[in-house]
Amino acid sequence: MVAPRLPPEICGVGSYAWELHRAWPGSRPISWLVLSGADASRQEWPNENIQTFSPDAAGFEQLLSAQPGRDVLLHYAGRAYQRFGIPFWMPEAFSRWKAKDKRRKLHVVFHELPAHLPLLSRQGIVQRLSFRVARRLANQATTLLTNSEHHAALLKNWVSRSDVHWFPVPSNIPPPDNDSFSGKRRRGEFVIFGLPFGRLQTVQLFRDWISSWLKTGRLRILHLVGPRDETFSVQADRLLGECLSADAVIQHGALPSAEVSQRLLEGEFCLSTATKLNWSKSGSFMAFASHACPVVTTEQMPVPLNQTISPIDVATISQEAAGEKGAALREWYSQNAEWAIVAKRIANLM
């Protein structure tokens, strides 16, 4: 497998790659090639074969050719390998590697795709160059995988083929045992969970609703869960300060997974910006689903968003009905988005 870096290094793409590996069916040995952080990863998992590669075509191809086996699973997001999202050396390296043995296969998971921006915009040229690199990799791939139906449609247009597969991104917050879902949720306690920019987007989307719920007594406490920064967290605080008193907000900051899980089990409602375009790659939404949370969104289609709650219904929905929505989300997650399920489906395609 090829990834930018693995845990304990902080990297969303690397964390996905590692969790997929942990859930992979069978006992086939895996070799890892990472751009950085190999020493730290080997210290944590001394039995894993983890090597560092340099970002140049010749060196990377040579290291690829030295690995056992003929299959490579590349976890790709351009900016994870090059700051502007243009690792131009990568498709060249894979082209050389495949040319030496026609039986070799490249399988690519596209975690991100370049944005389509006007050429004269600030990022226009950079995104066009990033697109060229990504499309070359897509054309080289035997198996094309991504994390949303929207991205799958874009990839199909890039390579003029129909066999592009997409799978939702499982949650990195381990859900509890089934018997833990029976606990009573705390009425009037709402949860916003995620990274700083995602939390800011959530506050922006629901600010007027939050103010309304507070005035009617529907909301008592708003829990903010996730790491803070000096930009987006400050903006979110300012917006919340305009509609909530300080004692109505609890800033938890970054918490261990077990404590995040507990907050998700106790909150009466969790607020999400998930839409039909992004729900399948939203870490917070998938964490909510895995914990049977009653989730409030502004879009209720398609599945599984049909098991979420509209903001206008928060004031009147019963706890029983909200609980049924959360249970239906959990059922959907257990059948479609557990790590073991996603890993098995990807392995079968390969």
Protein backbone atom coordinates (compact mmCIF):
# COMPACT_ATOMS: atom_id res chain seq x y z
CA MET A 1 0.00 0.00 0.00
CA VAL A 2 1.13 3.55 -0.70
CA ALA A 3 0.09 6.35 1.67
CA PRO A 4 1.39 9.81 2.61
CA ARG A 5 2.03 8.78 6.23
CA LEU A 6 0.54 6.44 8.82
CA PRO A 7 -0.46 6.78 12.48
CA PRO A 8 0.77 7.99 14.88
CA GLU A 9 1.43 10.79 12.37
CA ILE A 10 -1.66 12.98 11.89
CA CYS A 11 -3.04 12.37 8.40
CA GLY A 12 -6.63 11.68 7.41
CA VAL A 13 -5.64 9.70 4.32
CA GLY A 14 -3.10 7.68 6.30
CA SER A 15 -5.57 6.95 9.10
CA TYR A 16 -8.05 5.64 6.53
CA ALA A 17 -5.36 3.47 4.93
CA TRP A 18 -4.35 2.02 8.29
CA GLU A 19 -7.91 1.27 9.43
CA LEU A 20 -8.61 -0.37 6.07
CA HIS A 21 -5.49 -2.51 6.55
CA ARG A 22 -6.58 -3.54 10.05
CA ALA A 23 -9.95 -4.70 8.70
CA TRP A 24 -8.53 -6.35 5.56
CA PRO A 25 -9.77 -9.93 5.13
CA GLY A 26 -7.27 -12.77 5.18
CA SER A 27 -3.65 -12.75 6.26
CA ARG A 28 -1.86 -11.62 3.12
CA PRO A 29 1.37 -9.74 4.04
CA ILE A 30 1.39 -6.03 3.25
CA SER A 31 4.33 -3.77 2.44
CA TRP A 32 3.91 -0.05 3.09
CA LEU A 33 5.53 2.84 1.24
CA VAL A 34 5.04 6.22 2.92
CA LEU A 35 6.27 9.72 2.14
CA SER A 36 7.22 10.48 5.74
CA GLY A 37 6.89 9.28 9.32
CA ALA A 38 8.05 5.69 8.74
CA ASP A 39 10.27 5.64 11.85
CA ALA A 40 7.44 6.62 14.18
CA SER A 41 5.08 4.11 12.57
CA ARG A 42 7.62 1.27 12.81
CA GLN A 43 8.13 2.03 16.50
CA GLU A 44 4.41 1.62 17.08
CA TRP A 45 4.10 -1.47 14.84
CA PRO A 46 7.54 -3.12 14.68
CA ASN A 47 6.20 -6.13 12.78
CA GLU A 48 4.99 -4.03 9.84
CA ASN A 49 7.10 -3.54 6.73
CA ILE A 50 7.05 0.26 6.41
CA GLN A 51 9.53 2.11 4.18
CA THR A 52 9.97 5.74 3.19
CA PHE A 53 10.05 6.83 -0.44
CA SER A 54 11.42 10.02 -1.95
CA PRO A 55 9.18 12.13 -4.22
CA ASP A 56 10.92 11.48 -7.52
CA ALA A 57 9.93 9.16 -10.37
CA ALA A 58 13.12 7.10 -10.61
CA GLY A 59 13.55 6.50 -6.89
CA PHE A 60 9.89 5.74 -6.28
CA GLU A 61 9.70 3.31 -9.22
CA GLN A 62 12.82 1.50 -8.04
CA LEU A 63 11.35 1.06 -4.57
CA LEU A 64 8.04 -0.13 -6.03
CA SER A 65 9.82 -2.74 -8.15
CA ALA A 66 11.66 -4.05 -5.09
CA GLN A 67 8.41 -4.92 -3.31
CA PRO A 68 6.96 -8.44 -3.38
CA GLY A 69 3.72 -8.93 -5.27
CA ARG A 70 2.26 -7.29 -8.35
CA ASP A 71 -0.58 -5.22 -6.82
CA VAL A 72 -0.34 -1.70 -5.42
CA LEU A 73 -3.16 0.06 -3.59
CA LEU A 74 -2.53 3.81 -3.74
CA HIS A 75 -4.34 6.11 -1.33
CA TYR A 76 -4.36 9.36 -3.26
CA ALA A 77 -4.98 12.98 -2.42
CA GLY A 78 -2.70 15.29 -4.38
CA ARG A 79 -2.02 17.71 -1.54
CA ALA A 80 -0.98 14.86 0.73
CA TYR A 81 2.00 14.15 -1.53
CA GLN A 82 2.83 17.67 -2.74
CA ARG A 83 1.83 20.96 -1.12
CA PHE A 84 0.05 22.26 -4.24
CA GLY A 85 -1.50 18.91 -5.13
CA ILE A 86 0.81 18.30 -8.11
CA PRO A 87 2.97 15.18 -7.48
CA PHE A 88 3.90 15.12 -11.18
CA TRP A 89 6.51 12.38 -10.61
CA MET A 90 3.95 9.85 -9.37
CA PRO A 91 2.15 8.83 -12.62
CA GLU A 92 5.53 8.68 -14.37
CA ALA A 93 6.82 6.27 -11.72
CA PHE A 94 3.78 4.02 -12.01
CA SER A 95 4.04 4.07 -15.80
CA ARG A 96 7.64 2.80 -15.60
CA TRP A 97 6.71 0.23 -12.95
CA LYS A 98 3.84 -1.23 -15.01
CA ALA A 99 5.91 -1.27 -18.22
CA LYS A 100 8.40 -3.69 -16.64
CA ASP A 101 5.72 -6.33 -16.00
CA LYS A 102 2.33 -6.26 -17.73
CA ARG A 103 0.83 -8.35 -14.90
CA ARG A 104 1.28 -5.51 -12.42
CA LYS A 105 -1.88 -3.74 -11.31
CA LEU A 106 -2.45 -0.31 -9.79
CA HIS A 107 -5.56 0.18 -7.67
CA VAL A 108 -6.32 3.78 -6.61
CA VAL A 109 -8.52 5.16 -3.84
CA PHE A 110 -9.17 8.84 -4.63
CA HIS A 111 -9.75 10.57 -1.30
CA GLU A 112 -9.92 14.01 -2.94
CA LEU A 113 -10.36 15.32 -6.46
CA PRO A 114 -9.09 18.65 -7.85
CA ALA A 115 -11.64 21.45 -7.93
CA HIS A 116 -12.84 22.74 -11.29
CA LEU A 117 -12.07 26.46 -11.14
CA PRO A 118 -11.85 29.19 -13.81
CA LEU A 119 -8.39 29.22 -15.35
CA LEU A 120 -7.78 32.86 -14.40
CA SER A 121 -8.84 32.41 -10.77
CA ARG A 122 -6.25 32.40 -7.99
CA GLN A 123 -5.99 28.60 -7.91
CA GLY A 124 -7.07 27.98 -11.49
CA ILE A 125 -3.71 26.97 -12.99
CA VAL A 126 -2.73 24.91 -9.93
CA GLN A 127 -6.00 22.99 -10.05
CA ARG A 128 -5.63 22.32 -13.78
CA LEU A 129 -2.16 20.87 -13.21
CA SER A 130 -3.45 18.85 -10.26
CA PHE A 131 -6.24 17.54 -12.48
CA ARG A 132 -3.75 16.36 -15.12
CA VAL A 133 -1.80 14.36 -12.54
CA ALA A 134 -4.95 12.81 -11.06
CA ARG A 135 -6.38 11.93 -14.47
CA ARG A 136 -3.13 10.22 -15.52
CA LEU A 137 -3.30 8.08 -12.39
CA ALA A 138 -6.97 7.30 -13.04
CA ASN A 139 -6.16 6.16 -16.57
CA GLN A 140 -3.39 3.89 -15.26
CA ALA A 141 -5.61 2.25 -12.62
CA THR A 142 -7.03 -1.24 -12.91
CA THR A 143 -9.46 -0.48 -10.09
CA LEU A 144 -10.89 2.98 -9.41
CA LEU A 145 -12.31 3.72 -5.97
CA THR A 146 -13.51 6.87 -4.23
CA ASN A 147 -15.67 8.03 -1.32
CA SER A 148 -18.80 9.60 -2.82
CA GLU A 149 -21.24 9.11 -5.65
CA HIS A 150 -20.42 12.62 -6.85
CA HIS A 151 -16.69 11.85 -7.11
CA ALA A 152 -17.44 8.55 -8.82
CA ALA A 153 -19.42 10.40 -11.50
CA LEU A 154 -16.54 12.82 -12.07
CA LEU A 155 -14.03 9.99 -12.38
CA LYS A 156 -16.24 8.19 -14.90
CA ASN A 157 -16.13 11.30 -17.08
CA TRP A 158 -12.36 11.57 -16.74
CA VAL A 159 -11.60 8.05 -17.90
CA SER A 160 -14.71 7.24 -19.99
CA ARG A 161 -15.44 4.01 -18.12
CA SER A 162 -18.32 2.86 -15.98
CA ASP A 163 -16.53 0.63 -13.46
CA VAL A 164 -15.79 3.29 -10.84
CA HIS A 165 -16.74 2.23 -7.33
CA TRP A 166 -17.46 4.34 -4.26
CA PHE A 167 -17.81 3.48 -0.59
CA PRO A 168 -18.67 5.61 2.45
CA VAL A 169 -15.79 6.44 4.78
CA PRO A 170 -16.24 4.55 8.08
CA SER A 171 -15.95 6.36 11.38
CA ASN A 172 -12.62 6.60 13.19
CA ILE A 173 -14.51 6.84 16.50
CA PRO A 174 -15.10 3.20 17.51
CA PRO A 175 -18.79 2.68 18.28
CA PRO A 176 -19.70 0.99 21.55
CA ASP A 177 -21.20 -2.42 22.01
CA ASN A 178 -24.86 -2.66 21.04
CA ASP A 179 -26.04 -2.72 24.65
CA SER A 180 -24.52 0.74 25.20
CA PHE A 181 -27.14 2.36 22.94
CA SER A 182 -29.89 1.86 25.49
CA GLY A 183 -28.75 4.73 27.73
CA LYS A 184 -31.00 7.76 28.06
CA ARG A 185 -29.97 10.83 26.08
CA ARG A 186 -29.82 14.14 27.92
CA ARG A 187 -32.73 16.30 26.90
CA GLY A 188 -31.78 19.73 25.63
CA GLU A 189 -28.11 18.85 25.04
CA PHE A 190 -26.90 19.31 21.45
CA VAL A 191 -23.52 18.27 20.00
CA ILE A 192 -21.30 19.71 17.28
CA PHE A 193 -18.32 17.46 16.58
CA GLY A 194 -15.47 17.69 14.08
CA LEU A 195 -12.44 19.67 13.03
CA PRO A 196 -12.37 23.47 13.50
CA PHE A 197 -13.46 24.44 9.97
CA GLY A 198 -16.25 21.86 9.97
CA ARG A 199 -17.52 23.11 13.33
CA LEU A 200 -17.49 26.68 12.02
CA GLN A 201 -19.54 25.61 8.98
CA THR A 202 -22.01 23.88 11.29
CA VAL A 203 -22.38 26.97 13.47
CA GLN A 204 -22.88 29.16 10.40
CA LEU A 205 -25.54 26.82 9.02
CA PHE A 206 -27.50 26.43 12.26
CA ARG A 207 -26.88 29.77 14.00
CA ASP A 208 -30.45 31.06 13.63
CA TRP A 209 -31.88 27.69 14.63
CA ILE A 210 -29.61 27.54 17.69
CA SER A 211 -30.87 30.94 18.77
CA SER A 212 -34.48 29.85 18.26
CA TRP A 213 -34.04 26.57 20.16
CA LEU A 214 -32.44 28.42 23.06
CA LYS A 215 -35.27 30.97 23.29
CA THR A 216 -37.93 28.26 23.36
CA GLY A 217 -36.03 26.18 25.91
CA ARG A 218 -35.46 23.34 23.47
CA LEU A 219 -31.69 23.74 23.76
CA ARG A 220 -30.01 24.01 27.15
CA ILE A 221 -26.39 23.05 26.45
CA LEU A 222 -24.35 23.03 23.25
CA HIS A 223 -21.30 20.74 23.33
CA LEU A 224 -18.42 21.59 20.99
CA VAL A 225 -16.15 18.57 20.57
CA GLY A 226 -12.90 18.58 18.59
CA PRO A 227 -9.50 20.29 18.44
CA ARG A 228 -9.31 24.06 18.51
CA ASP A 229 -7.29 26.42 16.34
CA GLU A 230 -6.63 30.16 16.29
CA THR A 231 -8.78 30.93 13.25
CA PHE A 232 -11.94 28.90 12.68
CA SER A 233 -12.55 28.19 16.39
CA VAL A 234 -12.36 31.91 17.18
CA GLN A 235 -14.85 32.70 14.41
CA ALA A 236 -17.23 30.02 15.66
CA ASP A 237 -16.95 31.35 19.22
CA ARG A 238 -17.82 34.85 18.02
CA LEU A 239 -20.91 33.65 16.15
CA LEU A 240 -22.10 31.58 19.09
CA GLY A 241 -21.50 34.51 21.45
CA GLU A 242 -24.12 36.46 19.48
CA CYS A 243 -26.86 33.94 20.23
CA LEU A 244 -25.82 31.92 23.32
CA SER A 245 -24.69 32.83 26.80
CA ALA A 246 -21.33 31.49 27.90
CA ASP A 247 -22.88 29.02 30.35
CA ALA A 248 -24.87 27.41 27.51
CA VAL A 249 -21.70 26.30 25.67
CA ILE A 250 -19.24 23.62 26.77
CA GLN A 251 -15.93 23.63 24.91
CA HIS A 252 -14.51 20.11 25.24
CA GLY A 253 -11.61 20.52 22.82
CA ALA A 254 -9.85 17.42 21.52
CA LEU A 255 -10.87 14.29 23.43
CA PRO A 256 -9.78 10.64 23.34
CA SER A 257 -12.00 8.50 21.14
CA ALA A 258 -13.73 6.87 24.12
CA GLU A 259 -14.75 10.28 25.52
CA VAL A 260 -15.97 11.49 22.12
CA SER A 261 -18.04 8.31 21.94
CA GLN A 262 -19.57 9.08 25.33
CA ARG A 263 -20.55 12.60 24.26
CA LEU A 264 -22.22 11.19 21.14
CA LEU A 265 -24.15 8.67 23.22
CA GLU A 266 -25.46 11.33 25.62
CA GLY A 267 -26.40 14.19 23.27
CA GLU A 268 -30.08 14.44 22.40
CA PHE A 269 -29.30 15.84 18.94
CA CYS A 270 -26.14 16.10 16.83
CA LEU A 271 -25.89 18.87 14.23
CA SER A 272 -24.43 18.04 10.83
CA THR A 273 -23.70 19.86 7.56
CA ALA A 274 -24.02 16.57 5.64
CA THR A 275 -25.63 16.91 2.20
CA LYS A 276 -26.28 14.60 -0.72
CA LEU A 277 -22.84 15.53 -2.10
CA ASN A 278 -20.69 15.06 1.00
CA TRP A 279 -22.42 12.80 3.55
CA SER A 280 -20.45 9.67 2.61
CA LYS A 281 -17.08 11.32 3.34
CA SER A 282 -18.14 13.32 6.40
CA GLY A 283 -16.29 11.96 9.42
CA SER A 284 -18.65 13.60 11.89
CA PHE A 285 -21.80 12.33 10.15
CA MET A 286 -20.44 8.79 10.03
CA ALA A 287 -19.52 8.98 13.72
CA PHE A 288 -23.08 10.10 14.49
CA ALA A 289 -24.52 7.25 12.42
CA SER A 290 -22.31 4.65 14.11
CA HIS A 291 -23.53 5.85 17.52
CA ALA A 292 -27.26 5.89 16.69
CA CYS A 293 -27.39 9.66 17.19
CA PRO A 294 -30.51 11.60 16.23
CA VAL A 295 -28.91 13.79 13.55
CA VAL A 296 -30.21 17.18 12.44
CA THR A 297 -29.48 18.13 8.81
CA THR A 298 -30.91 20.55 6.27
CA GLU A 299 -31.22 17.79 3.63
CA GLN A 300 -33.16 14.56 4.18
CA MET A 301 -32.44 12.79 0.90
CA PRO A 302 -31.05 10.39 -0.27
CA VAL A 303 -30.46 7.33 1.96
CA PRO A 304 -29.19 7.51 4.70
CA LEU A 305 -30.09 11.21 5.03
CA ASN A 306 -33.73 10.09 5.01
CA GLN A 307 -33.15 9.01 8.62
CA THR A 308 -32.12 12.49 9.77
CA ILE A 309 -34.25 15.24 11.27
CA SER A 310 -35.09 18.61 9.75
CA PRO A 311 -34.26 21.66 11.94
CA ILE A 312 -37.91 22.73 11.86
CA ASP A 313 -38.95 19.40 13.41
CA VAL A 314 -36.56 19.55 16.36
CA ALA A 315 -39.07 21.53 18.43
CA THR A 316 -41.87 18.96 18.07
CA ILE A 317 -40.33 15.52 17.49
CA SER A 318 -40.73 13.11 20.38
CA GLN A 319 -37.76 11.42 22.02
CA GLU A 320 -39.13 8.08 20.86
CA ALA A 321 -39.35 9.20 17.22
CA ALA A 322 -35.89 10.78 17.36
CA GLY A 323 -34.52 7.58 18.85
CA GLU A 324 -36.04 5.57 16.02
CA LYS A 325 -34.29 7.80 13.50
CA GLY A 326 -30.98 7.28 15.28
CA ALA A 327 -31.49 3.52 15.45
CA ALA A 328 -32.24 3.41 11.73
CA LEU A 329 -29.02 5.32 11.02
CA ARG A 330 -27.07 2.87 13.16
CA GLU A 331 -28.66 -0.07 11.31
CA TRP A 332 -27.74 1.44 7.96
CA TYR A 333 -24.15 2.02 9.16
CA SER A 334 -23.74 -1.53 10.45
CA GLN A 335 -24.83 -2.95 7.09
CA ASN A 336 -22.98 -0.56 4.77
CA ALA A 337 -20.15 1.34 6.41
CA GLU A 338 -18.35 -0.76 9.01
CA TRP A 339 -14.62 -1.00 8.32
CA ALA A 340 -14.83 -4.77 7.84
CA ILE A 341 -17.59 -4.39 5.24
CA VAL A 342 -15.79 -1.69 3.24
CA ALA A 343 -12.47 -3.58 3.39
CA LYS A 344 -14.06 -6.81 2.19
CA ARG A 345 -15.79 -5.10 -0.73
CA ILE A 346 -12.59 -3.35 -1.83
CA ALA A 347 -10.60 -6.58 -1.48
CA ASN A 348 -13.15 -8.42 -3.63
CA LEU A 349 -12.83 -5.81 -6.38
CA MET A 350 -9.06 -6.23 -6.39
